[in-house]
Amino acid sequence: GKERCKLGDMPRQARLDAPGALHHVMGRGIEGISIFRSDEDREDFLTRLGALCEGELLSVHAWALLDNHFHLLIRTGKQRISEGMRRLLTGYVVRFNRRYGRYGHLFQNRYKSILCEEDPYLLGLTRYIHLNPVRAGVVKTVRQLAAYPWTGHAVILGRVKREWQDVGTLLAYFG
């Protein structure tokens, strides 16, 4: 008879990607574990992200790092999103595992990315991503968020320097 394909047997869907495409990217720790245990971990991740921006492989509009997940709002540049994310996450996991004497996967499945339309969603997604620490209770207020170094919000306000973050595109919306 006919063979049926179970959902678990289905091949992964190809990612939609094109130069200049805007993506909301999320990654979570496997089994909910912390993927950022220290500020050193967070700086390592952001240094790797910044290196991709400096090479014009992608640009970052918004980002937030929480203990067990991250959010990025990125635009692809000279490289496909899959290549940029592979470089970012693989390098990070190797260093993380070495630092903590662990082996194996750190992230739950592969990262999730949602292709976004520019105009209607850029500001809303930026707000959503940057407010993550408030929703998670990491900081209590938007005023505290302004000084919180692990989102792009403090960069947009000029309180934290991250030269690689594209603040100009967002600020252009406000004239």
Foldseek 3Di string as FASTA:
>chain_A
DDDDDDPVNDDDDDDDWDAFWKKKKKWFWVVRAFLDPDVVLLVLLLVLVLVCLVVQQKAWAKKFHDGTMIITTIGGGPHTPVVSQCSSVVVSVVVSCVVVVHDDDTTDDGMDMDTDDPDPPVVVVRVVRLCVCCVVVVDVDVVVSCQDPGMCNVVLVVNDDDPRHCNPVVVVVVD
